[in-house]
N, C-alpha and C. Protein backbone atom coordinates (compact mmCIF):
# COMPACT_ATOMS: atom_id res chain seq x y z
N MET A 1 25.75 -29.13 -48.58
CA MET A 1 24.43 -29.02 -48.01
C MET A 1 23.79 -27.69 -48.40
N ASP A 2 24.55 -26.63 -48.48
CA ASP A 2 23.99 -25.34 -48.85
C ASP A 2 23.37 -25.35 -50.24
N SER A 3 23.98 -26.12 -51.17
CA SER A 3 23.43 -26.15 -52.52
C SER A 3 22.05 -26.78 -52.54
N SER A 4 21.82 -27.84 -51.74
CA SER A 4 20.49 -28.44 -51.73
C SER A 4 19.47 -27.48 -51.14
N LYS A 5 19.87 -26.68 -50.17
CA LYS A 5 18.96 -25.71 -49.57
C LYS A 5 18.51 -24.70 -50.60
N SER A 6 19.45 -24.20 -51.39
CA SER A 6 19.08 -23.21 -52.39
C SER A 6 18.25 -23.83 -53.51
N ILE A 7 18.49 -25.09 -53.81
CA ILE A 7 17.69 -25.77 -54.83
C ILE A 7 16.24 -25.85 -54.39
N PHE A 8 16.01 -26.27 -53.14
CA PHE A 8 14.63 -26.37 -52.65
C PHE A 8 13.94 -25.03 -52.75
N LYS A 9 14.64 -23.99 -52.36
CA LYS A 9 14.04 -22.66 -52.33
C LYS A 9 13.76 -22.13 -53.74
N SER A 10 14.73 -22.27 -54.63
CA SER A 10 14.61 -21.61 -55.93
C SER A 10 13.77 -22.40 -56.94
N GLU A 11 13.72 -23.70 -56.81
CA GLU A 11 13.10 -24.50 -57.85
C GLU A 11 11.64 -24.84 -57.55
N PHE A 12 11.15 -24.45 -56.42
CA PHE A 12 9.82 -24.86 -56.01
C PHE A 12 9.07 -23.66 -55.48
N ASN A 13 8.25 -23.07 -56.31
CA ASN A 13 7.50 -21.88 -55.93
C ASN A 13 6.02 -22.09 -56.17
N TRP A 14 5.22 -21.41 -55.38
CA TRP A 14 3.78 -21.43 -55.58
C TRP A 14 3.45 -20.58 -56.79
N ASP A 15 2.73 -21.16 -57.75
CA ASP A 15 2.30 -20.40 -58.91
C ASP A 15 0.99 -20.99 -59.41
N SER A 16 0.51 -20.50 -60.52
CA SER A 16 -0.80 -20.94 -61.02
C SER A 16 -0.84 -22.43 -61.37
N SER A 17 0.31 -23.04 -61.62
CA SER A 17 0.33 -24.48 -61.92
C SER A 17 -0.03 -25.31 -60.69
N CYS A 18 -0.01 -24.70 -59.53
CA CYS A 18 -0.36 -25.39 -58.28
C CYS A 18 -1.86 -25.38 -58.03
N LEU A 19 -2.60 -24.60 -58.79
CA LEU A 19 -4.03 -24.44 -58.54
C LEU A 19 -4.86 -25.52 -59.22
N LEU A 20 -5.91 -25.96 -58.52
CA LEU A 20 -6.87 -26.89 -59.10
C LEU A 20 -8.14 -26.17 -59.52
N ASP A 21 -8.21 -24.87 -59.23
CA ASP A 21 -9.39 -24.04 -59.47
C ASP A 21 -10.58 -24.50 -58.62
N ILE A 22 -10.26 -24.99 -57.45
CA ILE A 22 -11.24 -25.31 -56.41
C ILE A 22 -10.80 -24.49 -55.21
N PRO A 23 -11.40 -23.30 -55.03
CA PRO A 23 -10.88 -22.35 -54.02
C PRO A 23 -10.64 -22.94 -52.63
N LEU A 24 -11.57 -23.72 -52.12
CA LEU A 24 -11.40 -24.29 -50.79
C LEU A 24 -10.14 -25.16 -50.73
N ILE A 25 -9.97 -26.02 -51.71
CA ILE A 25 -8.80 -26.91 -51.76
C ILE A 25 -7.53 -26.12 -52.06
N ASP A 26 -7.61 -25.19 -53.00
CA ASP A 26 -6.43 -24.38 -53.33
C ASP A 26 -5.93 -23.60 -52.12
N ASN A 27 -6.85 -23.05 -51.33
CA ASN A 27 -6.44 -22.31 -50.13
C ASN A 27 -5.76 -23.23 -49.13
N GLN A 28 -6.27 -24.43 -48.98
CA GLN A 28 -5.65 -25.39 -48.07
C GLN A 28 -4.29 -25.85 -48.59
N HIS A 29 -4.20 -26.08 -49.88
CA HIS A 29 -2.91 -26.44 -50.47
C HIS A 29 -1.90 -25.31 -50.31
N GLN A 30 -2.38 -24.09 -50.45
CA GLN A 30 -1.49 -22.95 -50.28
C GLN A 30 -0.97 -22.88 -48.84
N ARG A 31 -1.79 -23.24 -47.90
CA ARG A 31 -1.35 -23.31 -46.49
C ARG A 31 -0.24 -24.35 -46.33
N PHE A 32 -0.42 -25.50 -46.98
CA PHE A 32 0.62 -26.53 -46.95
C PHE A 32 1.91 -25.99 -47.55
N PHE A 33 1.78 -25.30 -48.68
CA PHE A 33 2.97 -24.75 -49.32
C PHE A 33 3.64 -23.72 -48.42
N HIS A 34 2.85 -22.95 -47.69
CA HIS A 34 3.41 -21.97 -46.76
C HIS A 34 4.25 -22.68 -45.69
N LEU A 35 3.78 -23.81 -45.20
CA LEU A 35 4.56 -24.59 -44.23
C LEU A 35 5.86 -25.08 -44.85
N PHE A 36 5.76 -25.55 -46.09
CA PHE A 36 6.96 -25.97 -46.82
C PHE A 36 7.94 -24.81 -46.95
N ASP A 37 7.43 -23.67 -47.34
CA ASP A 37 8.25 -22.48 -47.54
C ASP A 37 8.91 -22.03 -46.23
N THR A 38 8.15 -22.09 -45.14
CA THR A 38 8.68 -21.73 -43.83
C THR A 38 9.81 -22.67 -43.44
N LEU A 39 9.60 -23.97 -43.64
CA LEU A 39 10.65 -24.95 -43.32
C LEU A 39 11.87 -24.72 -44.20
N SER A 40 11.66 -24.45 -45.45
CA SER A 40 12.76 -24.18 -46.37
C SER A 40 13.58 -22.99 -45.89
N GLU A 41 12.88 -21.95 -45.45
CA GLU A 41 13.56 -20.75 -44.93
C GLU A 41 14.36 -21.08 -43.67
N LEU A 42 13.79 -21.88 -42.78
CA LEU A 42 14.50 -22.28 -41.56
C LEU A 42 15.76 -23.07 -41.90
N ILE A 43 15.66 -23.93 -42.88
CA ILE A 43 16.82 -24.72 -43.31
C ILE A 43 17.90 -23.80 -43.87
N SER A 44 17.49 -22.85 -44.71
CA SER A 44 18.48 -21.96 -45.32
C SER A 44 19.20 -21.11 -44.28
N LYS A 45 18.49 -20.78 -43.19
CA LYS A 45 19.10 -19.97 -42.13
C LYS A 45 19.69 -20.81 -41.00
N ASN A 46 19.42 -22.12 -41.05
CA ASN A 46 19.85 -23.04 -40.00
C ASN A 46 19.35 -22.58 -38.63
N GLU A 47 18.08 -22.18 -38.59
CA GLU A 47 17.44 -21.68 -37.36
C GLU A 47 16.18 -22.48 -37.07
N PHE A 48 16.34 -23.57 -36.35
CA PHE A 48 15.19 -24.43 -36.11
C PHE A 48 14.50 -24.16 -34.79
N GLY A 49 15.26 -24.17 -33.70
CA GLY A 49 14.66 -23.97 -32.38
C GLY A 49 13.42 -24.82 -32.21
N ASN A 50 12.36 -24.24 -31.70
CA ASN A 50 11.09 -24.95 -31.52
C ASN A 50 10.22 -24.90 -32.76
N HIS A 51 10.74 -24.27 -33.81
CA HIS A 51 9.94 -24.13 -35.03
C HIS A 51 9.56 -25.47 -35.65
N LEU A 52 10.43 -26.47 -35.52
CA LEU A 52 10.09 -27.77 -36.09
C LEU A 52 8.88 -28.37 -35.40
N TRP A 53 8.80 -28.19 -34.07
CA TRP A 53 7.62 -28.67 -33.34
C TRP A 53 6.37 -27.98 -33.88
N GLU A 54 6.47 -26.68 -34.09
CA GLU A 54 5.33 -25.91 -34.59
C GLU A 54 4.91 -26.38 -35.98
N ILE A 55 5.88 -26.66 -36.83
CA ILE A 55 5.57 -27.11 -38.18
C ILE A 55 4.91 -28.49 -38.14
N VAL A 56 5.45 -29.38 -37.32
CA VAL A 56 4.85 -30.71 -37.19
C VAL A 56 3.43 -30.60 -36.63
N ASP A 57 3.23 -29.74 -35.65
CA ASP A 57 1.88 -29.51 -35.12
C ASP A 57 0.94 -29.01 -36.21
N GLU A 58 1.42 -28.07 -37.02
CA GLU A 58 0.59 -27.53 -38.10
C GLU A 58 0.31 -28.60 -39.16
N LEU A 59 1.30 -29.43 -39.45
CA LEU A 59 1.08 -30.52 -40.41
C LEU A 59 0.02 -31.49 -39.89
N GLU A 60 0.05 -31.74 -38.59
CA GLU A 60 -0.94 -32.63 -38.00
C GLU A 60 -2.34 -32.01 -38.11
N LYS A 61 -2.45 -30.74 -37.81
CA LYS A 61 -3.75 -30.06 -37.96
C LYS A 61 -4.20 -30.10 -39.42
N TYR A 62 -3.26 -29.89 -40.32
CA TYR A 62 -3.55 -29.90 -41.75
C TYR A 62 -4.15 -31.25 -42.16
N THR A 63 -3.58 -32.33 -41.64
CA THR A 63 -4.10 -33.66 -42.00
C THR A 63 -5.56 -33.80 -41.60
N HIS A 64 -5.92 -33.21 -40.47
CA HIS A 64 -7.30 -33.34 -40.01
C HIS A 64 -8.28 -32.56 -40.88
N TYR A 65 -8.03 -31.27 -41.07
CA TYR A 65 -9.02 -30.49 -41.82
C TYR A 65 -8.92 -30.69 -43.32
N HIS A 66 -7.73 -30.82 -43.86
CA HIS A 66 -7.62 -30.92 -45.31
C HIS A 66 -8.04 -32.29 -45.83
N PHE A 67 -7.56 -33.34 -45.18
CA PHE A 67 -7.91 -34.67 -45.67
C PHE A 67 -9.40 -34.94 -45.52
N THR A 68 -9.99 -34.45 -44.46
CA THR A 68 -11.44 -34.59 -44.28
C THR A 68 -12.17 -33.86 -45.41
N THR A 69 -11.74 -32.64 -45.69
CA THR A 69 -12.35 -31.86 -46.77
C THR A 69 -12.25 -32.60 -48.09
N GLU A 70 -11.05 -33.04 -48.44
CA GLU A 70 -10.85 -33.73 -49.72
C GLU A 70 -11.66 -35.02 -49.81
N GLU A 71 -11.58 -35.83 -48.78
CA GLU A 71 -12.26 -37.12 -48.83
C GLU A 71 -13.77 -36.94 -48.91
N ASN A 72 -14.30 -35.97 -48.19
CA ASN A 72 -15.74 -35.69 -48.28
C ASN A 72 -16.13 -35.24 -49.68
N LEU A 73 -15.32 -34.38 -50.28
CA LEU A 73 -15.61 -33.93 -51.65
C LEU A 73 -15.56 -35.08 -52.64
N LEU A 74 -14.62 -35.99 -52.47
CA LEU A 74 -14.53 -37.15 -53.36
C LEU A 74 -15.80 -37.99 -53.29
N VAL A 75 -16.29 -38.21 -52.07
CA VAL A 75 -17.51 -38.99 -51.89
C VAL A 75 -18.71 -38.24 -52.48
N GLU A 76 -18.84 -36.96 -52.13
CA GLU A 76 -19.98 -36.16 -52.60
C GLU A 76 -20.01 -36.02 -54.13
N ALA A 77 -18.83 -35.99 -54.75
CA ALA A 77 -18.75 -35.85 -56.20
C ALA A 77 -18.88 -37.19 -56.91
N HIS A 78 -19.12 -38.25 -56.15
CA HIS A 78 -19.31 -39.61 -56.69
C HIS A 78 -18.09 -40.09 -57.48
N ILE A 79 -16.92 -39.82 -56.94
CA ILE A 79 -15.69 -40.35 -57.53
C ILE A 79 -15.68 -41.86 -57.30
N ALA A 80 -15.10 -42.59 -58.21
CA ALA A 80 -15.06 -44.06 -58.11
C ALA A 80 -14.47 -44.49 -56.77
N GLU A 81 -15.07 -45.52 -56.20
CA GLU A 81 -14.63 -46.05 -54.89
C GLU A 81 -13.14 -46.38 -54.89
N SER A 82 -12.65 -46.93 -55.99
CA SER A 82 -11.22 -47.28 -56.06
C SER A 82 -10.34 -46.04 -55.95
N GLU A 83 -10.77 -44.94 -56.55
CA GLU A 83 -10.04 -43.68 -56.47
C GLU A 83 -10.06 -43.12 -55.05
N ILE A 84 -11.21 -43.22 -54.42
CA ILE A 84 -11.33 -42.73 -53.04
C ILE A 84 -10.43 -43.54 -52.13
N LYS A 85 -10.43 -44.85 -52.28
CA LYS A 85 -9.57 -45.72 -51.45
C LYS A 85 -8.10 -45.39 -51.66
N LEU A 86 -7.70 -45.17 -52.91
CA LEU A 86 -6.32 -44.80 -53.21
C LEU A 86 -5.96 -43.49 -52.52
N HIS A 87 -6.85 -42.54 -52.62
CA HIS A 87 -6.64 -41.23 -52.02
C HIS A 87 -6.51 -41.37 -50.50
N GLN A 88 -7.40 -42.12 -49.90
CA GLN A 88 -7.36 -42.33 -48.45
C GLN A 88 -6.07 -43.03 -48.02
N SER A 89 -5.62 -43.99 -48.81
CA SER A 89 -4.37 -44.69 -48.44
C SER A 89 -3.18 -43.75 -48.53
N GLN A 90 -3.18 -42.86 -49.50
CA GLN A 90 -2.10 -41.87 -49.57
C GLN A 90 -2.17 -40.91 -48.40
N HIS A 91 -3.35 -40.54 -48.00
CA HIS A 91 -3.51 -39.67 -46.83
C HIS A 91 -3.00 -40.37 -45.57
N GLN A 92 -3.25 -41.66 -45.46
CA GLN A 92 -2.76 -42.42 -44.30
C GLN A 92 -1.24 -42.44 -44.26
N ILE A 93 -0.61 -42.51 -45.42
CA ILE A 93 0.85 -42.47 -45.48
C ILE A 93 1.35 -41.13 -44.95
N PHE A 94 0.68 -40.06 -45.32
CA PHE A 94 1.05 -38.73 -44.85
C PHE A 94 0.90 -38.63 -43.34
N ILE A 95 -0.22 -39.12 -42.82
CA ILE A 95 -0.47 -39.09 -41.38
C ILE A 95 0.61 -39.87 -40.64
N GLN A 96 0.96 -41.02 -41.16
CA GLN A 96 2.01 -41.84 -40.54
C GLN A 96 3.35 -41.10 -40.58
N LYS A 97 3.61 -40.43 -41.67
CA LYS A 97 4.88 -39.70 -41.80
C LYS A 97 4.96 -38.57 -40.78
N VAL A 98 3.86 -37.86 -40.56
CA VAL A 98 3.85 -36.80 -39.55
C VAL A 98 4.13 -37.39 -38.17
N GLU A 99 3.57 -38.56 -37.89
CA GLU A 99 3.85 -39.23 -36.62
C GLU A 99 5.35 -39.58 -36.51
N GLU A 100 5.94 -40.01 -37.62
CA GLU A 100 7.38 -40.30 -37.64
C GLU A 100 8.19 -39.03 -37.41
N PHE A 101 7.76 -37.92 -37.99
CA PHE A 101 8.45 -36.65 -37.76
C PHE A 101 8.43 -36.30 -36.27
N ARG A 102 7.28 -36.48 -35.66
CA ARG A 102 7.14 -36.17 -34.23
C ARG A 102 8.09 -37.05 -33.39
N MET A 103 8.15 -38.33 -33.72
CA MET A 103 9.05 -39.24 -33.00
C MET A 103 10.50 -38.83 -33.22
N ALA A 104 10.86 -38.48 -34.43
CA ALA A 104 12.23 -38.07 -34.72
C ALA A 104 12.59 -36.80 -33.96
N LEU A 105 11.62 -35.90 -33.80
CA LEU A 105 11.86 -34.69 -33.01
C LEU A 105 12.18 -35.04 -31.56
N ARG A 106 11.46 -36.00 -31.02
CA ARG A 106 11.70 -36.42 -29.62
C ARG A 106 13.13 -36.93 -29.44
N TYR A 107 13.65 -37.55 -30.50
CA TYR A 107 15.00 -38.12 -30.43
C TYR A 107 16.06 -37.20 -31.04
N ASN A 108 15.68 -35.95 -31.30
CA ASN A 108 16.61 -34.94 -31.82
C ASN A 108 17.34 -35.40 -33.08
N ASN A 109 16.61 -35.97 -34.00
CA ASN A 109 17.18 -36.42 -35.27
C ASN A 109 17.71 -35.20 -36.03
N VAL A 110 19.02 -35.14 -36.24
CA VAL A 110 19.63 -33.95 -36.85
C VAL A 110 19.34 -33.81 -38.34
N VAL A 111 18.96 -34.88 -38.99
CA VAL A 111 18.64 -34.79 -40.43
C VAL A 111 17.14 -34.62 -40.68
N LEU A 112 16.38 -34.50 -39.61
CA LEU A 112 14.93 -34.38 -39.75
C LEU A 112 14.49 -33.22 -40.65
N PRO A 113 15.04 -32.03 -40.50
CA PRO A 113 14.57 -30.94 -41.38
C PRO A 113 14.69 -31.29 -42.87
N GLU A 114 15.80 -31.90 -43.25
CA GLU A 114 15.98 -32.29 -44.65
C GLU A 114 14.99 -33.39 -45.04
N GLN A 115 14.75 -34.33 -44.15
CA GLN A 115 13.78 -35.39 -44.43
C GLN A 115 12.38 -34.81 -44.59
N MET A 116 12.04 -33.87 -43.74
CA MET A 116 10.73 -33.24 -43.82
C MET A 116 10.56 -32.48 -45.13
N ILE A 117 11.55 -31.69 -45.49
CA ILE A 117 11.42 -30.87 -46.70
C ILE A 117 11.34 -31.76 -47.94
N GLN A 118 12.11 -32.84 -47.95
CA GLN A 118 12.05 -33.75 -49.09
C GLN A 118 10.69 -34.42 -49.20
N PHE A 119 10.15 -34.87 -48.06
CA PHE A 119 8.84 -35.51 -48.09
C PHE A 119 7.76 -34.52 -48.53
N MET A 120 7.80 -33.32 -47.96
CA MET A 120 6.78 -32.33 -48.30
C MET A 120 6.84 -31.95 -49.77
N ARG A 121 8.04 -31.82 -50.29
CA ARG A 121 8.20 -31.48 -51.70
C ARG A 121 7.63 -32.59 -52.58
N LYS A 122 7.98 -33.83 -52.27
CA LYS A 122 7.45 -34.97 -53.04
C LYS A 122 5.94 -35.05 -52.94
N TRP A 123 5.42 -34.79 -51.74
CA TRP A 123 3.97 -34.83 -51.55
C TRP A 123 3.30 -33.79 -52.43
N PHE A 124 3.85 -32.61 -52.44
CA PHE A 124 3.25 -31.55 -53.24
C PHE A 124 3.29 -31.91 -54.72
N LEU A 125 4.44 -32.37 -55.18
CA LEU A 125 4.60 -32.66 -56.60
C LEU A 125 3.82 -33.89 -57.05
N MET A 126 3.75 -34.90 -56.18
CA MET A 126 3.09 -36.14 -56.59
C MET A 126 1.62 -36.20 -56.17
N HIS A 127 1.33 -35.89 -54.94
CA HIS A 127 -0.05 -36.04 -54.49
C HIS A 127 -0.92 -34.87 -54.96
N ILE A 128 -0.47 -33.68 -54.67
CA ILE A 128 -1.29 -32.51 -54.98
C ILE A 128 -1.37 -32.26 -56.49
N LYS A 129 -0.21 -32.26 -57.13
CA LYS A 129 -0.20 -31.92 -58.56
C LYS A 129 -0.63 -33.07 -59.46
N VAL A 130 -0.63 -34.30 -58.95
CA VAL A 130 -1.02 -35.44 -59.79
C VAL A 130 -2.32 -36.07 -59.28
N THR A 131 -2.30 -36.61 -58.07
CA THR A 131 -3.47 -37.33 -57.55
C THR A 131 -4.66 -36.41 -57.37
N ASP A 132 -4.46 -35.27 -56.71
CA ASP A 132 -5.58 -34.34 -56.52
C ASP A 132 -6.06 -33.78 -57.85
N ALA A 133 -5.14 -33.48 -58.73
CA ALA A 133 -5.51 -32.91 -60.03
C ALA A 133 -6.34 -33.90 -60.85
N LYS A 134 -6.11 -35.19 -60.64
CA LYS A 134 -6.82 -36.23 -61.38
C LYS A 134 -8.34 -36.14 -61.20
N ASN A 135 -8.79 -35.72 -60.03
CA ASN A 135 -10.22 -35.66 -59.74
C ASN A 135 -10.80 -34.24 -59.76
N ALA A 136 -9.98 -33.29 -60.10
CA ALA A 136 -10.40 -31.88 -60.02
C ALA A 136 -11.59 -31.57 -60.93
N VAL A 137 -11.62 -32.10 -62.12
CA VAL A 137 -12.71 -31.79 -63.05
C VAL A 137 -14.05 -32.26 -62.48
N GLU A 138 -14.08 -33.49 -61.96
CA GLU A 138 -15.32 -34.02 -61.40
C GLU A 138 -15.75 -33.23 -60.17
N ILE A 139 -14.81 -32.85 -59.32
CA ILE A 139 -15.14 -32.10 -58.12
C ILE A 139 -15.65 -30.70 -58.49
N LYS A 140 -14.99 -30.05 -59.44
CA LYS A 140 -15.46 -28.73 -59.89
C LYS A 140 -16.86 -28.83 -60.47
N SER A 141 -17.12 -29.86 -61.24
CA SER A 141 -18.44 -30.05 -61.82
C SER A 141 -19.48 -30.25 -60.73
N TYR A 142 -19.14 -31.07 -59.73
CA TYR A 142 -20.05 -31.28 -58.60
C TYR A 142 -20.33 -29.97 -57.87
N LEU A 143 -19.29 -29.21 -57.57
CA LEU A 143 -19.46 -27.96 -56.84
C LEU A 143 -20.25 -26.94 -57.65
N LYS A 144 -20.03 -26.92 -58.95
CA LYS A 144 -20.78 -26.00 -59.82
C LYS A 144 -22.27 -26.35 -59.79
N GLY A 145 -22.58 -27.64 -59.88
CA GLY A 145 -23.96 -28.09 -59.84
C GLY A 145 -24.60 -27.84 -58.47
N LYS A 146 -23.80 -27.94 -57.44
CA LYS A 146 -24.30 -27.74 -56.08
C LYS A 146 -24.66 -26.27 -55.85
N SER A 147 -23.88 -25.36 -56.44
CA SER A 147 -24.11 -23.93 -56.24
C SER A 147 -25.18 -23.36 -57.17
N ALA A 148 -25.55 -24.14 -58.19
CA ALA A 148 -26.54 -23.66 -59.17
C ALA A 148 -27.94 -23.68 -58.63
């Protein structure tokens, strides 16, 4: 188990490859990464206490402000309806997962921290670095035109 903890910590760092060059979104993504990093640290130290509740609460807050921000930008930038629907369905999966984390906490699921870190890592690598990046050019162009 210790080897997987060190793998999560060492192989996944915030760097310029995480940026979409959309400051509002990048700042929110960085907040998500900070939650991931905090959870990773808790796992490495095996010190959870009430911290898991706090992380789940923060993830829930994140879903509200970040997903609203992203979905509004997709609409405003005139991204294809099919892309917006795909994005929204992925966001719904995340929201459902956070609800599952909360339920698992109530039942003291001992493997929850590992499940959370794995989900968050996959979300970052697949949703943020792939799905979000897919629309970044159009959103940047929209924002540039809006500020001009």
